Amino acid sequence: MATSVFPKLYKQLLRECTKFSDYNFRSHALRRAQHVYEKYLNENDETKLNTINLKIQEEIEATTRQVTIGQLYGAEKHILDQDKT
C-alpha cells in the first residue's frame, strides 16, 4: 500500500515546489525533493515507507506554508525568470 502512495506524494511535493516565485528557492526545493525521492526509491520495508510518507506529507505542508509566505513578500524577478523579449 505505501509503495503506491510514495510516487503520488512525490509528484504533489514537486507541484508545490514549482509554485515558488523565486528561482533560487524553487530550484533548491526541487533538488531537495529529487534527492529524497532517489534516496528512498528502492525502500521495501513497510514501516519505513509509512514513516517516509509521513515525512513527505509534512514536507508538503511546510513547502505550502513557505510558498504562501513568499507570495506575501514580493521581490524582483531573477534574471532567469524574466521574459526573453
PDB file of N, CA and C in Angstrom:
ATOM      1  N   MET A   1       0.814  -1.187   0.000  1.00  0.00           N
ATOM      2  CA  MET A   1       0.000   0.000   0.000  1.00  0.00           C
ATOM      3  C   MET A   1       0.867   1.263   0.000  1.00  0.00           C
ATOM      4  N   ALA A   2       1.852   1.335   0.855  1.00  0.00           N
ATOM      5  CA  ALA A   2       2.653   2.546   0.991  1.00  0.00           C
ATOM      6  C   ALA A   2       3.494   2.813  -0.248  1.00  0.00           C
ATOM      7  N   THR A   3       3.887   1.746  -0.946  1.00  0.00           N
ATOM      8  CA  THR A   3       4.722   1.956  -2.118  1.00  0.00           C
ATOM      9  C   THR A   3       3.960   2.683  -3.220  1.00  0.00           C
ATOM     10  N   SER A   4       2.640   2.484  -3.310  1.00  0.00           N
ATOM     11  CA  SER A   4       1.877   3.170  -4.340  1.00  0.00           C
ATOM     12  C   SER A   4       1.605   4.624  -3.968  1.00  0.00           C
ATOM     13  N   VAL A   5       1.669   4.971  -2.691  1.00  0.00           N
ATOM     14  CA  VAL A   5       1.418   6.334  -2.235  1.00  0.00           C
ATOM     15  C   VAL A   5       2.653   7.204  -2.445  1.00  0.00           C
ATOM     16  N   PHE A   6       3.823   6.631  -2.303  1.00  0.00           N
ATOM     17  CA  PHE A   6       5.074   7.387  -2.366  1.00  0.00           C
ATOM     18  C   PHE A   6       5.208   8.211  -3.650  1.00  0.00           C
ATOM     19  N   PRO A   7       5.027   7.649  -4.848  1.00  0.00           N
ATOM     20  CA  PRO A   7       5.151   8.470  -6.065  1.00  0.00           C
ATOM     21  C   PRO A   7       4.111   9.588  -6.143  1.00  0.00           C
ATOM     22  N   LYS A   8       2.911   9.347  -5.639  1.00  0.00           N
ATOM     23  CA  LYS A   8       1.882  10.385  -5.648  1.00  0.00           C
ATOM     24  C   LYS A   8       2.282  11.547  -4.751  1.00  0.00           C
ATOM     25  N   LEU A   9       2.820  11.227  -3.584  1.00  0.00           N
ATOM     26  CA  LEU A   9       3.273  12.282  -2.683  1.00  0.00           C
ATOM     27  C   LEU A   9       4.452  13.036  -3.275  1.00  0.00           C
ATOM     28  N   TYR A  10       5.327  12.330  -3.949  1.00  0.00           N
ATOM     29  CA  TYR A  10       6.475  12.959  -4.591  1.00  0.00           C
ATOM     30  C   TYR A  10       6.006  13.951  -5.659  1.00  0.00           C
ATOM     31  N   LYS A  11       5.048  13.554  -6.475  1.00  0.00           N
ATOM     32  CA  LYS A  11       4.518  14.449  -7.505  1.00  0.00           C
ATOM     33  C   LYS A  11       3.843  15.668  -6.876  1.00  0.00           C
ATOM     34  N   GLN A  12       3.140  15.447  -5.787  1.00  0.00           N
ATOM     35  CA  GLN A  12       2.495  16.552  -5.092  1.00  0.00           C
ATOM     36  C   GLN A  12       3.545  17.516  -4.528  1.00  0.00           C
ATOM     37  N   LEU A  13       4.628  16.969  -3.993  1.00  0.00           N
ATOM     38  CA  LEU A  13       5.710  17.801  -3.475  1.00  0.00           C
ATOM     39  C   LEU A  13       6.365  18.599  -4.605  1.00  0.00           C
ATOM     40  N   LEU A  14       6.599  17.967  -5.745  1.00  0.00           N
ATOM     41  CA  LEU A  14       7.167  18.681  -6.891  1.00  0.00           C
ATOM     42  C   LEU A  14       6.251  19.814  -7.349  1.00  0.00           C
ATOM     43  N   ARG A  15       4.944  19.553  -7.360  1.00  0.00           N
ATOM     44  CA  ARG A  15       3.979  20.579  -7.747  1.00  0.00           C
ATOM     45  C   ARG A  15       4.070  21.785  -6.812  1.00  0.00           C
ATOM     46  N   GLU A  16       4.180  21.514  -5.518  1.00  0.00           N
ATOM     47  CA  GLU A  16       4.293  22.605  -4.546  1.00  0.00           C
ATOM     48  C   GLU A  16       5.603  23.351  -4.722  1.00  0.00           C
ATOM     49  N   CYS A  17       6.675  22.632  -5.011  1.00  0.00           N
ATOM     50  CA  CYS A  17       7.989  23.273  -5.178  1.00  0.00           C
ATOM     51  C   CYS A  17       8.009  24.220  -6.369  1.00  0.00           C
ATOM     52  N   THR A  18       7.272  23.899  -7.413  1.00  0.00           N
ATOM     53  CA  THR A  18       7.266  24.753  -8.604  1.00  0.00           C
ATOM     54  C   THR A  18       6.485  26.040  -8.383  1.00  0.00           C
ATOM     55  N   LYS A  19       5.775  26.160  -7.286  1.00  0.00           N
ATOM     56  CA  LYS A  19       4.990  27.363  -7.002  1.00  0.00           C
ATOM     57  C   LYS A  19       5.831  28.490  -6.410  1.00  0.00           C
ATOM     58  N   PHE A  20       7.074  28.205  -6.025  1.00  0.00           N
ATOM     59  CA  PHE A  20       7.942  29.275  -5.517  1.00  0.00           C
ATOM     60  C   PHE A  20       8.154  30.293  -6.618  1.00  0.00           C
ATOM     61  N   SER A  21       8.003  31.560  -6.291  1.00  0.00           N
ATOM     62  CA  SER A  21       8.201  32.599  -7.305  1.00  0.00           C
ATOM     63  C   SER A  21       9.682  32.918  -7.495  1.00  0.00           C
ATOM     64  N   ASP A  22      10.490  32.700  -6.488  1.00  0.00           N
ATOM     65  CA  ASP A  22      11.914  32.984  -6.576  1.00  0.00           C
ATOM     66  C   ASP A  22      12.653  31.782  -7.173  1.00  0.00           C
ATOM     67  N   TYR A  23      13.477  32.051  -8.175  1.00  0.00           N
ATOM     68  CA  TYR A  23      14.197  30.994  -8.878  1.00  0.00           C
ATOM     69  C   TYR A  23      15.069  30.160  -7.939  1.00  0.00           C
ATOM     70  N   ASN A  24      15.792  30.827  -7.051  1.00  0.00           N
ATOM     71  CA  ASN A  24      16.715  30.112  -6.175  1.00  0.00           C
ATOM     72  C   ASN A  24      15.983  29.197  -5.206  1.00  0.00           C
ATOM     73  N   PHE A  25      14.900  29.686  -4.606  1.00  0.00           N
ATOM     74  CA  PHE A  25      14.111  28.847  -3.702  1.00  0.00           C
ATOM     75  C   PHE A  25      13.504  27.664  -4.455  1.00  0.00           C
ATOM     76  N   ARG A  26      12.983  27.951  -5.661  1.00  0.00           N
ATOM     77  CA  ARG A  26      12.338  26.911  -6.448  1.00  0.00           C
ATOM     78  C   ARG A  26      13.330  25.817  -6.823  1.00  0.00           C
ATOM     79  N   SER A  27      14.503  26.206  -7.324  1.00  0.00           N
ATOM     80  CA  SER A  27      15.475  25.192  -7.754  1.00  0.00           C
ATOM     81  C   SER A  27      16.012  24.398  -6.557  1.00  0.00           C
ATOM     82  N   HIS A  28      16.202  25.071  -5.415  1.00  0.00           N
ATOM     83  CA  HIS A  28      16.658  24.361  -4.218  1.00  0.00           C
ATOM     84  C   HIS A  28      15.615  23.344  -3.758  1.00  0.00           C
ATOM     85  N   ALA A  29      14.358  23.754  -3.735  1.00  0.00           N
ATOM     86  CA  ALA A  29      13.292  22.852  -3.290  1.00  0.00           C
ATOM     87  C   ALA A  29      13.158  21.656  -4.226  1.00  0.00           C
ATOM     88  N   LEU A  30      13.277  21.891  -5.521  1.00  0.00           N
ATOM     89  CA  LEU A  30      13.179  20.787  -6.479  1.00  0.00           C
ATOM     90  C   LEU A  30      14.344  19.810  -6.335  1.00  0.00           C
ATOM     91  N   ARG A  31      15.568  20.350  -6.170  1.00  0.00           N
ATOM     92  CA  ARG A  31      16.731  19.466  -5.973  1.00  0.00           C
ATOM     93  C   ARG A  31      16.570  18.643  -4.706  1.00  0.00           C
ATOM     94  N   ARG A  32      16.109  19.270  -3.656  1.00  0.00           N
ATOM     95  CA  ARG A  32      15.932  18.581  -2.373  1.00  0.00           C
ATOM     96  C   ARG A  32      14.889  17.469  -2.490  1.00  0.00           C
ATOM     97  N   ALA A  33      13.788  17.749  -3.171  1.00  0.00           N
ATOM     98  CA  ALA A  33      12.739  16.744  -3.358  1.00  0.00           C
ATOM     99  C   ALA A  33      13.250  15.570  -4.193  1.00  0.00           C
ATOM    100  N   GLN A  34      13.999  15.854  -5.243  1.00  0.00           N
ATOM    101  CA  GLN A  34      14.546  14.788  -6.080  1.00  0.00           C
ATOM    102  C   GLN A  34      15.548  13.936  -5.321  1.00  0.00           C
ATOM    103  N   HIS A  35      16.339  14.584  -4.475  1.00  0.00           N
ATOM    104  CA  HIS A  35      17.316  13.852  -3.674  1.00  0.00           C
ATOM    105  C   HIS A  35      16.618  12.883  -2.714  1.00  0.00           C
ATOM    106  N   VAL A  36      15.569  13.340  -2.061  1.00  0.00           N
ATOM    107  CA  VAL A  36      14.823  12.483  -1.133  1.00  0.00           C
ATOM    108  C   VAL A  36      14.180  11.324  -1.881  1.00  0.00           C
ATOM    109  N   TYR A  37      13.623  11.600  -3.051  1.00  0.00           N
ATOM    110  CA  TYR A  37      12.983  10.548  -3.834  1.00  0.00           C
ATOM    111  C   TYR A  37      13.992   9.474  -4.235  1.00  0.00           C
ATOM    112  N   GLU A  38      15.143   9.901  -4.729  1.00  0.00           N
ATOM    113  CA  GLU A  38      16.169   8.944  -5.134  1.00  0.00           C
ATOM    114  C   GLU A  38      16.703   8.146  -3.956  1.00  0.00           C
ATOM    115  N   LYS A  39      16.768   8.783  -2.798  1.00  0.00           N
ATOM    116  CA  LYS A  39      17.284   8.112  -1.605  1.00  0.00           C
ATOM    117  C   LYS A  39      16.369   6.971  -1.166  1.00  0.00           C
ATOM    118  N   TYR A  40      15.079   7.178  -1.257  1.00  0.00           N
ATOM    119  CA  TYR A  40      14.121   6.192  -0.744  1.00  0.00           C
ATOM    120  C   TYR A  40      13.407   5.412  -1.841  1.00  0.00           C
ATOM    121  N   LEU A  41      13.837   5.537  -3.067  1.00  0.00           N
ATOM    122  CA  LEU A  41      13.165   4.892  -4.185  1.00  0.00           C
ATOM    123  C   LEU A  41      13.118   3.374  -4.055  1.00  0.00           C
ATOM    124  N   ASN A  42      14.184   2.748  -3.596  1.00  0.00           N
ATOM    125  CA  ASN A  42      14.260   1.285  -3.534  1.00  0.00           C
ATOM    126  C   ASN A  42      13.938   0.722  -2.156  1.00  0.00           C
ATOM    127  N   GLU A  43      13.336   1.530  -1.305  1.00  0.00           N
ATOM    128  CA  GLU A  43      12.975   1.068   0.044  1.00  0.00           C
ATOM    129  C   GLU A  43      11.787   0.111  -0.048  1.00  0.00           C
ATOM    130  N   ASN A  44      11.867  -1.024   0.652  1.00  0.00           N
ATOM    131  CA  ASN A  44      10.806  -2.025   0.605  1.00  0.00           C
ATOM    132  C   ASN A  44      10.160  -2.296   1.955  1.00  0.00           C
ATOM    133  N   ASP A  45      10.777  -1.842   3.034  1.00  0.00           N
ATOM    134  CA  ASP A  45      10.238  -2.085   4.370  1.00  0.00           C
ATOM    135  C   ASP A  45       8.989  -1.238   4.582  1.00  0.00           C
ATOM    136  N   GLU A  46       7.891  -1.901   4.897  1.00  0.00           N
ATOM    137  CA  GLU A  46       6.587  -1.238   5.014  1.00  0.00           C
ATOM    138  C   GLU A  46       6.564  -0.184   6.115  1.00  0.00           C
ATOM    139  N   THR A  47       7.185  -0.467   7.255  1.00  0.00           N
ATOM    140  CA  THR A  47       7.167   0.507   8.350  1.00  0.00           C
ATOM    141  C   THR A  47       7.999   1.742   7.997  1.00  0.00           C
ATOM    142  N   LYS A  48       9.135   1.530   7.329  1.00  0.00           N
ATOM    143  CA  LYS A  48       9.949   2.663   6.902  1.00  0.00           C
ATOM    144  C   LYS A  48       9.223   3.492   5.850  1.00  0.00           C
ATOM    145  N   LEU A  49       8.504   2.821   4.948  1.00  0.00           N
ATOM    146  CA  LEU A  49       7.751   3.533   3.921  1.00  0.00           C
ATOM    147  C   LEU A  49       6.654   4.391   4.538  1.00  0.00           C
ATOM    148  N   ASN A  50       6.001   3.870   5.572  1.00  0.00           N
ATOM    149  CA  ASN A  50       4.970   4.658   6.245  1.00  0.00           C
ATOM    150  C   ASN A  50       5.580   5.899   6.892  1.00  0.00           C
ATOM    151  N   THR A  51       6.751   5.734   7.502  1.00  0.00           N
ATOM    152  CA  THR A  51       7.445   6.866   8.110  1.00  0.00           C
ATOM    153  C   THR A  51       7.869   7.878   7.046  1.00  0.00           C
ATOM    154  N   ILE A  52       8.367   7.391   5.928  1.00  0.00           N
ATOM    155  CA  ILE A  52       8.777   8.265   4.829  1.00  0.00           C
ATOM    156  C   ILE A  52       7.574   9.034   4.291  1.00  0.00           C
ATOM    157  N   ASN A  53       6.450   8.355   4.126  1.00  0.00           N
ATOM    158  CA  ASN A  53       5.241   9.011   3.638  1.00  0.00           C
ATOM    159  C   ASN A  53       4.797  10.130   4.572  1.00  0.00           C
ATOM    160  N   LEU A  54       4.878   9.893   5.872  1.00  0.00           N
ATOM    161  CA  LEU A  54       4.515  10.937   6.836  1.00  0.00           C
ATOM    162  C   LEU A  54       5.465  12.128   6.733  1.00  0.00           C
ATOM    163  N   LYS A  55       6.763  11.848   6.579  1.00  0.00           N
ATOM    164  CA  LYS A  55       7.745  12.931   6.442  1.00  0.00           C
ATOM    165  C   LYS A  55       7.494  13.740   5.174  1.00  0.00           C
ATOM    166  N   ILE A  56       7.154  13.071   4.092  1.00  0.00           N
ATOM    167  CA  ILE A  56       6.888  13.771   2.840  1.00  0.00           C
ATOM    168  C   ILE A  56       5.631  14.627   2.968  1.00  0.00           C
ATOM    169  N   GLN A  57       4.614  14.124   3.644  1.00  0.00           N
ATOM    170  CA  GLN A  57       3.406  14.917   3.856  1.00  0.00           C
ATOM    171  C   GLN A  57       3.714  16.165   4.677  1.00  0.00           C
ATOM    172  N   GLU A  58       4.559  16.026   5.686  1.00  0.00           N
ATOM    173  CA  GLU A  58       4.974  17.187   6.479  1.00  0.00           C
ATOM    174  C   GLU A  58       5.768  18.164   5.617  1.00  0.00           C
ATOM    175  N   GLU A  59       6.598  17.649   4.741  1.00  0.00           N
ATOM    176  CA  GLU A  59       7.386  18.499   3.851  1.00  0.00           C
ATOM    177  C   GLU A  59       6.480  19.254   2.878  1.00  0.00           C
ATOM    178  N   ILE A  60       5.438  18.599   2.393  1.00  0.00           N
ATOM    179  CA  ILE A  60       4.476  19.259   1.504  1.00  0.00           C
ATOM    180  C   ILE A  60       3.792  20.405   2.233  1.00  0.00           C
ATOM    181  N   GLU A  61       3.374  20.149   3.473  1.00  0.00           N
ATOM    182  CA  GLU A  61       2.714  21.188   4.258  1.00  0.00           C
ATOM    183  C   GLU A  61       3.657  22.360   4.525  1.00  0.00           C
ATOM    184  N   ALA A  62       4.909  22.066   4.844  1.00  0.00           N
ATOM    185  CA  ALA A  62       5.885  23.119   5.100  1.00  0.00           C
ATOM    186  C   ALA A  62       6.159  23.923   3.827  1.00  0.00           C
ATOM    187  N   THR A  63       6.276  23.245   2.708  1.00  0.00           N
ATOM    188  CA  THR A  63       6.517  23.923   1.442  1.00  0.00           C
ATOM    189  C   THR A  63       5.344  24.827   1.081  1.00  0.00           C
ATOM    190  N   THR A  64       4.136  24.351   1.316  1.00  0.00           N
ATOM    191  CA  THR A  64       2.944  25.157   1.052  1.00  0.00           C
ATOM    192  C   THR A  64       2.972  26.428   1.884  1.00  0.00           C
ATOM    193  N   ARG A  65       3.342  26.316   3.149  1.00  0.00           N
ATOM    194  CA  ARG A  65       3.435  27.500   4.010  1.00  0.00           C
ATOM    195  C   ARG A  65       4.514  28.453   3.509  1.00  0.00           C
ATOM    196  N   GLN A  66       5.661  27.910   3.120  1.00  0.00           N
ATOM    197  CA  GLN A  66       6.761  28.746   2.640  1.00  0.00           C
ATOM    198  C   GLN A  66       6.395  29.469   1.346  1.00  0.00           C
ATOM    199  N   VAL A  67       5.680  28.794   0.461  1.00  0.00           N
ATOM    200  CA  VAL A  67       5.246  29.408  -0.792  1.00  0.00           C
ATOM    201  C   VAL A  67       4.283  30.559  -0.489  1.00  0.00           C
ATOM    202  N   THR A  68       3.363  30.333   0.424  1.00  0.00           N
ATOM    203  CA  THR A  68       2.401  31.372   0.792  1.00  0.00           C
ATOM    204  C   THR A  68       3.109  32.587   1.368  1.00  0.00           C
ATOM    205  N   ILE A  69       4.056  32.373   2.246  1.00  0.00           N
ATOM    206  CA  ILE A  69       4.811  33.485   2.828  1.00  0.00           C
ATOM    207  C   ILE A  69       5.612  34.204   1.745  1.00  0.00           C
ATOM    208  N   GLY A  70       6.212  33.454   0.837  1.00  0.00           N
ATOM    209  CA  GLY A  70       6.972  34.049  -0.242  1.00  0.00           C
ATOM    210  C   GLY A  70       6.114  34.903  -1.161  1.00  0.00           C
ATOM    211  N   GLN A  71       4.852  34.530  -1.337  1.00  0.00           N
ATOM    212  CA  GLN A  71       3.959  35.302  -2.176  1.00  0.00           C
ATOM    213  C   GLN A  71       3.505  36.587  -1.489  1.00  0.00           C
ATOM    214  N   LEU A  72       3.539  36.605  -0.179  1.00  0.00           N
ATOM    215  CA  LEU A  72       3.157  37.813   0.557  1.00  0.00           C
ATOM    216  C   LEU A  72       4.190  38.916   0.397  1.00  0.00           C
ATOM    217  N   TYR A  73       5.449  38.532   0.258  1.00  0.00           N
ATOM    218  CA  TYR A  73       6.543  39.491   0.166  1.00  0.00           C
ATOM    219  C   TYR A  73       7.199  39.363  -1.198  1.00  0.00           C
ATOM    220  N   GLY A  74       6.738  40.156  -2.134  1.00  0.00           N
ATOM    221  CA  GLY A  74       7.260  40.096  -3.494  1.00  0.00           C
ATOM    222  C   GLY A  74       8.691  40.592  -3.573  1.00  0.00           C
ATOM    223  N   ALA A  75       9.405  40.107  -4.544  1.00  0.00           N
ATOM    224  CA  ALA A  75      10.787  40.513  -4.764  1.00  0.00           C
ATOM    225  C   ALA A  75      11.010  40.640  -6.262  1.00  0.00           C
ATOM    226  N   GLU A  76      12.155  41.192  -6.625  1.00  0.00           N
ATOM    227  CA  GLU A  76      12.495  41.289  -8.040  1.00  0.00           C
ATOM    228  C   GLU A  76      12.622  39.891  -8.640  1.00  0.00           C
ATOM    229  N   LYS A  77      12.245  39.795  -9.905  1.00  0.00           N
ATOM    230  CA  LYS A  77      12.394  38.510 -10.580  1.00  0.00           C
ATOM    231  C   LYS A  77      13.862  38.236 -10.857  1.00  0.00           C
ATOM    232  N   HIS A  78      14.226  36.984 -10.744  1.00  0.00           N
ATOM    233  CA  HIS A  78      15.569  36.535 -11.077  1.00  0.00           C
ATOM    234  C   HIS A  78      15.771  36.684 -12.576  1.00  0.00           C
ATOM    235  N   ILE A  79      16.979  36.896 -13.011  1.00  0.00           N
ATOM    236  CA  ILE A  79      17.269  37.107 -14.419  1.00  0.00           C
ATOM    237  C   ILE A  79      16.828  35.918 -15.268  1.00  0.00           C
ATOM    238  N   LEU A  80      16.840  34.716 -14.695  1.00  0.00           N
ATOM    239  CA  LEU A  80      16.417  33.529 -15.449  1.00  0.00           C
ATOM    240  C   LEU A  80      14.895  33.432 -15.553  1.00  0.00           C
ATOM    241  N   ASP A  81      14.178  34.168 -14.700  1.00  0.00           N
ATOM    242  CA  ASP A  81      12.717  34.154 -14.731  1.00  0.00           C
ATOM    243  C   ASP A  81      12.139  35.267 -15.602  1.00  0.00           C
ATOM    244  N   GLN A  82      12.947  36.217 -16.015  1.00  0.00           N
ATOM    245  CA  GLN A  82      12.447  37.349 -16.800  1.00  0.00           C
ATOM    246  C   GLN A  82      12.175  36.924 -18.231  1.00  0.00           C
ATOM    247  N   ASP A  83      11.298  37.693 -18.873  1.00  0.00           N
ATOM    248  CA  ASP A  83      10.956  37.417 -20.273  1.00  0.00           C
ATOM    249  C   ASP A  83      12.164  37.586 -21.174  1.00  0.00           C
ATOM    250  N   LYS A  84      12.218  36.815 -22.227  1.00  0.00           N
ATOM    251  CA  LYS A  84      13.349  36.846 -23.150  1.00  0.00           C
ATOM    252  C   LYS A  84      13.218  37.962 -24.194  1.00  0.00           C
ATOM    253  N   THR A  85      12.094  38.664 -24.228  1.00  0.00           N
ATOM    254  CA  THR A  85      11.869  39.675 -25.279  1.00  0.00           C
ATOM    255  C   THR A  85      12.575  40.957 -25.027  1.00  0.00           C
TER     256      THR A  85
END
